[in-house]
Amino acid sequence: MYFLSVAFAQGAESVASGPPPEPGFMAFLPFILMFVVFWFFLIRPQQKKLKEQQEMQDKLEKGVEVVTNAGIFGRITGVADKVVTLEIANNVRIKILKSQISSAVKGDMAAGSS
């Protein structure tokens, strides 16, 4: 009986030691790859779109026809630092934040909505 317990103890030591542990870098490789995938498919395109939106808003000037994030079509009649005055109908003007303009539209698209 004593022989079996000694043999079992020796076998347990060899199993416990097992294969050598992985290097630290290899353990984090899947997380690094996931971050790279997120960067190229989510973060980078979002930053690019945000930059294009900011450039469009910086180029706004009087007379440009735009659509707001709320879906309101109008023509810019005044531009300040952060506020834009839109004419949405004859003699009907509203002031909105420049950041709320989603895009400039062609004349045909805005004329069809009036």
N, C-alpha and C. Protein backbone atom coordinates (compact mmCIF):
# COMPACT_ATOMS: atom_id res chain seq x y z
N MET A 1 0.81 -1.18 0.00
CA MET A 1 0.00 0.00 0.00
C MET A 1 0.86 1.25 0.00
N TYR A 2 1.92 1.19 0.76
CA TYR A 2 2.83 2.32 0.82
C TYR A 2 3.44 2.59 -0.54
N PHE A 3 3.74 1.53 -1.29
CA PHE A 3 4.32 1.67 -2.62
C PHE A 3 3.39 2.42 -3.57
N LEU A 4 2.09 2.14 -3.52
CA LEU A 4 1.14 2.80 -4.39
C LEU A 4 1.02 4.29 -4.06
N SER A 5 1.01 4.63 -2.81
CA SER A 5 0.87 6.04 -2.47
C SER A 5 2.11 6.83 -2.87
N VAL A 6 3.31 6.22 -2.78
CA VAL A 6 4.52 6.90 -3.21
C VAL A 6 4.52 7.05 -4.71
N ALA A 7 4.13 6.01 -5.44
CA ALA A 7 4.09 6.06 -6.90
C ALA A 7 3.05 7.08 -7.36
N PHE A 8 1.92 7.10 -6.70
CA PHE A 8 0.87 8.06 -7.06
C PHE A 8 1.34 9.49 -6.80
N ALA A 9 2.04 9.71 -5.72
CA ALA A 9 2.56 11.04 -5.39
C ALA A 9 3.58 11.48 -6.43
N GLN A 10 4.43 10.56 -6.87
CA GLN A 10 5.41 10.91 -7.90
C GLN A 10 4.72 11.23 -9.22
N GLY A 11 3.67 10.51 -9.55
CA GLY A 11 2.92 10.76 -10.78
C GLY A 11 2.18 12.09 -10.71
N ALA A 12 1.68 12.44 -9.55
CA ALA A 12 0.97 13.70 -9.37
C ALA A 12 1.92 14.88 -9.55
N GLU A 13 3.17 14.70 -9.11
CA GLU A 13 4.16 15.77 -9.30
C GLU A 13 4.42 16.03 -10.77
N SER A 14 4.53 14.96 -11.55
CA SER A 14 4.82 15.15 -12.98
C SER A 14 3.62 15.75 -13.70
N VAL A 15 2.40 15.41 -13.29
CA VAL A 15 1.20 15.98 -13.90
C VAL A 15 1.06 17.44 -13.50
N ALA A 16 1.34 17.76 -12.25
CA ALA A 16 1.21 19.13 -11.77
C ALA A 16 2.18 20.06 -12.46
N SER A 17 3.38 19.54 -12.73
CA SER A 17 4.35 20.40 -13.41
C SER A 17 3.91 20.66 -14.84
N GLY A 18 3.35 19.66 -15.52
CA GLY A 18 2.76 19.80 -16.84
C GLY A 18 3.64 20.51 -17.85
N PRO A 19 3.03 20.99 -18.93
CA PRO A 19 3.80 21.72 -19.94
C PRO A 19 4.21 23.09 -19.41
N PRO A 20 5.25 23.64 -19.96
CA PRO A 20 5.69 24.96 -19.49
C PRO A 20 4.63 26.01 -19.82
N PRO A 21 4.48 27.02 -18.98
CA PRO A 21 3.48 28.06 -19.26
C PRO A 21 3.82 28.85 -20.52
N GLU A 22 2.76 29.41 -21.15
CA GLU A 22 2.96 30.20 -22.37
C GLU A 22 3.65 31.52 -22.03
N PRO A 23 4.37 32.06 -22.99
CA PRO A 23 4.95 33.39 -22.76
C PRO A 23 3.83 34.42 -22.58
N GLY A 24 4.09 35.52 -21.91
CA GLY A 24 3.09 36.53 -21.62
C GLY A 24 2.47 37.13 -22.86
N PHE A 25 3.25 37.36 -23.90
CA PHE A 25 2.74 37.98 -25.13
C PHE A 25 1.72 37.09 -25.81
N MET A 26 1.98 35.81 -25.86
CA MET A 26 1.09 34.88 -26.55
C MET A 26 -0.27 34.80 -25.86
N ALA A 27 -0.30 35.01 -24.56
CA ALA A 27 -1.57 34.96 -23.85
C ALA A 27 -2.45 36.15 -24.21
N PHE A 28 -1.85 37.30 -24.55
CA PHE A 28 -2.61 38.50 -24.89
C PHE A 28 -2.82 38.67 -26.39
N LEU A 29 -2.28 37.81 -27.19
CA LEU A 29 -2.40 37.91 -28.65
C LEU A 29 -3.86 37.94 -29.13
N PRO A 30 -4.76 37.09 -28.61
CA PRO A 30 -6.16 37.19 -29.07
C PRO A 30 -6.80 38.54 -28.77
N PHE A 31 -6.48 39.12 -27.60
CA PHE A 31 -7.03 40.43 -27.25
C PHE A 31 -6.48 41.52 -28.16
N ILE A 32 -5.22 41.42 -28.48
CA ILE A 32 -4.61 42.41 -29.38
C ILE A 32 -5.24 42.30 -30.77
N LEU A 33 -5.45 41.10 -31.25
CA LEU A 33 -6.08 40.91 -32.56
C LEU A 33 -7.52 41.44 -32.56
N MET A 34 -8.26 41.23 -31.47
CA MET A 34 -9.63 41.75 -31.39
C MET A 34 -9.63 43.27 -31.42
N PHE A 35 -8.69 43.90 -30.73
CA PHE A 35 -8.60 45.35 -30.74
C PHE A 35 -8.30 45.87 -32.14
N VAL A 36 -7.40 45.21 -32.86
CA VAL A 36 -7.07 45.63 -34.22
C VAL A 36 -8.29 45.53 -35.12
N VAL A 37 -9.06 44.46 -34.98
CA VAL A 37 -10.27 44.30 -35.79
C VAL A 37 -11.28 45.40 -35.45
N PHE A 38 -11.49 45.68 -34.16
CA PHE A 38 -12.39 46.76 -33.77
C PHE A 38 -11.90 48.09 -34.32
N TRP A 39 -10.61 48.32 -34.30
CA TRP A 39 -10.05 49.59 -34.77
C TRP A 39 -10.38 49.80 -36.25
N PHE A 40 -10.14 48.78 -37.07
CA PHE A 40 -10.32 48.95 -38.52
C PHE A 40 -11.78 48.91 -38.95
N PHE A 41 -12.65 48.23 -38.21
CA PHE A 41 -14.03 48.12 -38.64
C PHE A 41 -15.00 49.04 -37.91
N LEU A 42 -14.63 49.56 -36.74
CA LEU A 42 -15.56 50.40 -35.99
C LEU A 42 -15.00 51.79 -35.68
N ILE A 43 -13.86 51.84 -35.05
CA ILE A 43 -13.34 53.12 -34.56
C ILE A 43 -12.84 54.00 -35.69
N ARG A 44 -12.02 53.47 -36.57
CA ARG A 44 -11.43 54.27 -37.66
C ARG A 44 -12.48 54.85 -38.60
N PRO A 45 -13.45 54.06 -39.09
CA PRO A 45 -14.48 54.65 -39.96
C PRO A 45 -15.31 55.72 -39.26
N GLN A 46 -15.58 55.54 -37.97
CA GLN A 46 -16.36 56.53 -37.23
C GLN A 46 -15.59 57.84 -37.12
N GLN A 47 -14.28 57.76 -36.86
CA GLN A 47 -13.47 58.97 -36.78
C GLN A 47 -13.40 59.67 -38.14
N LYS A 48 -13.31 58.90 -39.20
CA LYS A 48 -13.25 59.47 -40.55
C LYS A 48 -14.56 60.19 -40.88
N LYS A 49 -15.69 59.57 -40.54
CA LYS A 49 -16.99 60.18 -40.80
C LYS A 49 -17.16 61.46 -39.98
N LEU A 50 -16.72 61.44 -38.74
CA LEU A 50 -16.81 62.62 -37.88
C LEU A 50 -15.96 63.77 -38.44
N LYS A 51 -14.79 63.45 -38.97
CA LYS A 51 -13.91 64.47 -39.55
C LYS A 51 -14.56 65.08 -40.80
N GLU A 52 -15.15 64.25 -41.66
CA GLU A 52 -15.83 64.76 -42.85
C GLU A 52 -17.02 65.64 -42.48
N GLN A 53 -17.77 65.25 -41.46
CA GLN A 53 -18.92 66.04 -41.00
C GLN A 53 -18.44 67.41 -40.50
N GLN A 54 -17.36 67.43 -39.74
CA GLN A 54 -16.82 68.68 -39.21
C GLN A 54 -16.34 69.59 -40.34
N GLU A 55 -15.69 69.03 -41.35
CA GLU A 55 -15.24 69.82 -42.50
C GLU A 55 -16.42 70.42 -43.25
N MET A 56 -17.50 69.64 -43.43
CA MET A 56 -18.68 70.13 -44.11
C MET A 56 -19.30 71.29 -43.32
N GLN A 57 -19.37 71.17 -42.01
CA GLN A 57 -19.96 72.22 -41.19
C GLN A 57 -19.09 73.48 -41.19
N ASP A 58 -17.80 73.32 -41.30
CA ASP A 58 -16.91 74.49 -41.36
C ASP A 58 -17.05 75.25 -42.68
N LYS A 59 -17.45 74.56 -43.74
CA LYS A 59 -17.57 75.19 -45.07
C LYS A 59 -18.95 75.80 -45.33
N LEU A 60 -19.85 75.73 -44.37
CA LEU A 60 -21.20 76.28 -44.57
C LEU A 60 -21.15 77.79 -44.80
N GLU A 61 -21.94 78.24 -45.75
CA GLU A 61 -21.99 79.68 -46.05
C GLU A 61 -23.41 80.05 -46.46
N LYS A 62 -23.65 81.32 -46.55
CA LYS A 62 -24.97 81.86 -46.88
C LYS A 62 -25.39 81.38 -48.28
N GLY A 63 -26.66 80.96 -48.38
CA GLY A 63 -27.22 80.53 -49.66
C GLY A 63 -27.20 79.03 -49.88
N VAL A 64 -26.50 78.28 -49.06
CA VAL A 64 -26.42 76.82 -49.23
C VAL A 64 -27.69 76.19 -48.69
N GLU A 65 -28.24 75.23 -49.43
CA GLU A 65 -29.42 74.52 -48.98
C GLU A 65 -28.97 73.28 -48.21
N VAL A 66 -29.55 73.09 -47.03
CA VAL A 66 -29.12 72.03 -46.13
C VAL A 66 -30.32 71.28 -45.57
N VAL A 67 -30.05 70.15 -44.96
CA VAL A 67 -31.05 69.41 -44.20
C VAL A 67 -30.47 69.19 -42.81
N THR A 68 -31.32 69.35 -41.80
CA THR A 68 -30.88 69.20 -40.42
C THR A 68 -31.03 67.75 -39.98
N ASN A 69 -30.50 67.44 -38.80
CA ASN A 69 -30.66 66.10 -38.25
C ASN A 69 -32.12 65.76 -37.99
N ALA A 70 -32.96 66.77 -37.80
CA ALA A 70 -34.40 66.55 -37.57
C ALA A 70 -35.15 66.38 -38.89
N GLY A 71 -34.47 66.56 -40.03
CA GLY A 71 -35.11 66.39 -41.32
C GLY A 71 -35.70 67.66 -41.88
N ILE A 72 -35.34 68.80 -41.36
CA ILE A 72 -35.87 70.08 -41.83
C ILE A 72 -34.98 70.60 -42.96
N PHE A 73 -35.59 70.90 -44.11
CA PHE A 73 -34.87 71.47 -45.23
C PHE A 73 -34.91 72.99 -45.12
N GLY A 74 -33.83 73.63 -45.52
CA GLY A 74 -33.82 75.09 -45.49
C GLY A 74 -32.60 75.65 -46.20
N ARG A 75 -32.62 76.97 -46.36
CA ARG A 75 -31.51 77.69 -46.99
C ARG A 75 -30.86 78.56 -45.92
N ILE A 76 -29.54 78.54 -45.87
CA ILE A 76 -28.82 79.31 -44.87
C ILE A 76 -28.89 80.78 -45.22
N THR A 77 -29.33 81.58 -44.24
CA THR A 77 -29.37 83.04 -44.45
C THR A 77 -28.38 83.76 -43.56
N GLY A 78 -27.80 83.08 -42.61
CA GLY A 78 -26.80 83.69 -41.74
C GLY A 78 -25.98 82.63 -41.05
N VAL A 79 -24.68 82.91 -40.87
CA VAL A 79 -23.78 81.96 -40.22
C VAL A 79 -23.00 82.69 -39.14
N ALA A 80 -23.01 82.14 -37.92
CA ALA A 80 -22.18 82.64 -36.83
C ALA A 80 -21.22 81.51 -36.45
N ASP A 81 -20.53 81.67 -35.32
CA ASP A 81 -19.58 80.63 -34.92
C ASP A 81 -20.25 79.28 -34.72
N LYS A 82 -21.30 79.24 -33.90
CA LYS A 82 -21.95 77.97 -33.58
C LYS A 82 -23.41 77.91 -34.00
N VAL A 83 -23.96 79.03 -34.47
CA VAL A 83 -25.38 79.11 -34.81
C VAL A 83 -25.56 79.44 -36.28
N VAL A 84 -26.55 78.82 -36.89
CA VAL A 84 -26.88 79.06 -38.29
C VAL A 84 -28.34 79.47 -38.35
N THR A 85 -28.65 80.47 -39.17
CA THR A 85 -30.04 80.88 -39.40
C THR A 85 -30.51 80.25 -40.70
N LEU A 86 -31.60 79.49 -40.62
CA LEU A 86 -32.16 78.82 -41.79
C LEU A 86 -33.49 79.46 -42.16
N GLU A 87 -33.71 79.64 -43.44
CA GLU A 87 -35.01 80.05 -43.93
C GLU A 87 -35.69 78.78 -44.42
N ILE A 88 -36.76 78.37 -43.73
CA ILE A 88 -37.44 77.13 -44.07
C ILE A 88 -38.68 77.35 -44.92
N ALA A 89 -39.15 78.57 -44.99
CA ALA A 89 -40.27 78.98 -45.86
C ALA A 89 -40.11 80.48 -46.07
N ASN A 90 -40.98 81.08 -46.91
CA ASN A 90 -40.89 82.52 -47.13
C ASN A 90 -41.08 83.26 -45.81
N ASN A 91 -40.08 84.07 -45.46
CA ASN A 91 -40.07 84.87 -44.24
C ASN A 91 -40.23 84.06 -42.95
N VAL A 92 -39.86 82.78 -42.97
CA VAL A 92 -39.86 81.95 -41.76
C VAL A 92 -38.43 81.50 -41.54
N ARG A 93 -37.82 82.03 -40.47
CA ARG A 93 -36.42 81.73 -40.20
C ARG A 93 -36.29 81.12 -38.81
N ILE A 94 -35.39 80.16 -38.72
CA ILE A 94 -35.10 79.54 -37.42
C ILE A 94 -33.59 79.56 -37.21
N LYS A 95 -33.20 79.57 -35.95
CA LYS A 95 -31.79 79.47 -35.62
C LYS A 95 -31.54 78.09 -35.03
N ILE A 96 -30.50 77.45 -35.54
CA ILE A 96 -30.14 76.13 -35.03
C ILE A 96 -28.63 76.08 -34.82
N LEU A 97 -28.21 75.10 -34.07
CA LEU A 97 -26.78 74.88 -33.90
C LEU A 97 -26.17 74.37 -35.20
N LYS A 98 -25.00 74.84 -35.49
CA LYS A 98 -24.30 74.41 -36.70
C LYS A 98 -24.07 72.89 -36.68
N SER A 99 -23.86 72.34 -35.50
CA SER A 99 -23.61 70.90 -35.38
C SER A 99 -24.84 70.05 -35.72
N GLN A 100 -26.02 70.66 -35.80
CA GLN A 100 -27.24 69.92 -36.11
C GLN A 100 -27.54 69.85 -37.60
N ILE A 101 -26.67 70.40 -38.43
CA ILE A 101 -26.84 70.29 -39.88
C ILE A 101 -26.18 68.99 -40.31
N SER A 102 -26.98 68.13 -40.93
CA SER A 102 -26.44 66.83 -41.30
C SER A 102 -25.77 66.83 -42.67
N SER A 103 -26.34 67.58 -43.64
CA SER A 103 -25.70 67.61 -44.95
C SER A 103 -26.23 68.76 -45.79
N ALA A 104 -25.44 69.11 -46.79
CA ALA A 104 -25.88 70.08 -47.80
C ALA A 104 -26.59 69.27 -48.88
N VAL A 105 -27.66 69.87 -49.43
CA VAL A 105 -28.44 69.16 -50.46
C VAL A 105 -28.43 69.92 -51.76
N LYS A 106 -28.71 69.22 -52.82
CA LYS A 106 -28.82 69.86 -54.13
C LYS A 106 -30.13 70.61 -54.21
N GLY A 107 -30.22 71.60 -55.06
CA GLY A 107 -31.41 72.43 -55.19
C GLY A 107 -32.65 71.65 -55.54
N ASP A 108 -32.53 70.59 -56.38
CA ASP A 108 -33.69 69.80 -56.79
C ASP A 108 -34.34 69.10 -55.60
N MET A 109 -33.56 68.58 -54.72
CA MET A 109 -34.08 67.83 -53.60
C MET A 109 -34.85 68.76 -52.64
N ALA A 110 -34.31 69.91 -52.36
CA ALA A 110 -34.97 70.85 -51.45
C ALA A 110 -36.20 71.48 -52.10
N ALA A 111 -36.16 71.73 -53.40
CA ALA A 111 -37.30 72.37 -54.07
C ALA A 111 -38.51 71.43 -54.10
N GLY A 112 -38.28 70.13 -54.16
CA GLY A 112 -39.37 69.18 -54.17
C GLY A 112 -40.10 69.12 -52.85
N SER A 113 -39.44 69.50 -51.76
CA SER A 113 -40.07 69.43 -50.45
C SER A 113 -40.85 70.68 -50.11
N SER A 114 -40.61 71.81 -50.80
CA SER A 114 -41.29 73.06 -50.46
C SER A 114 -42.66 73.14 -51.09
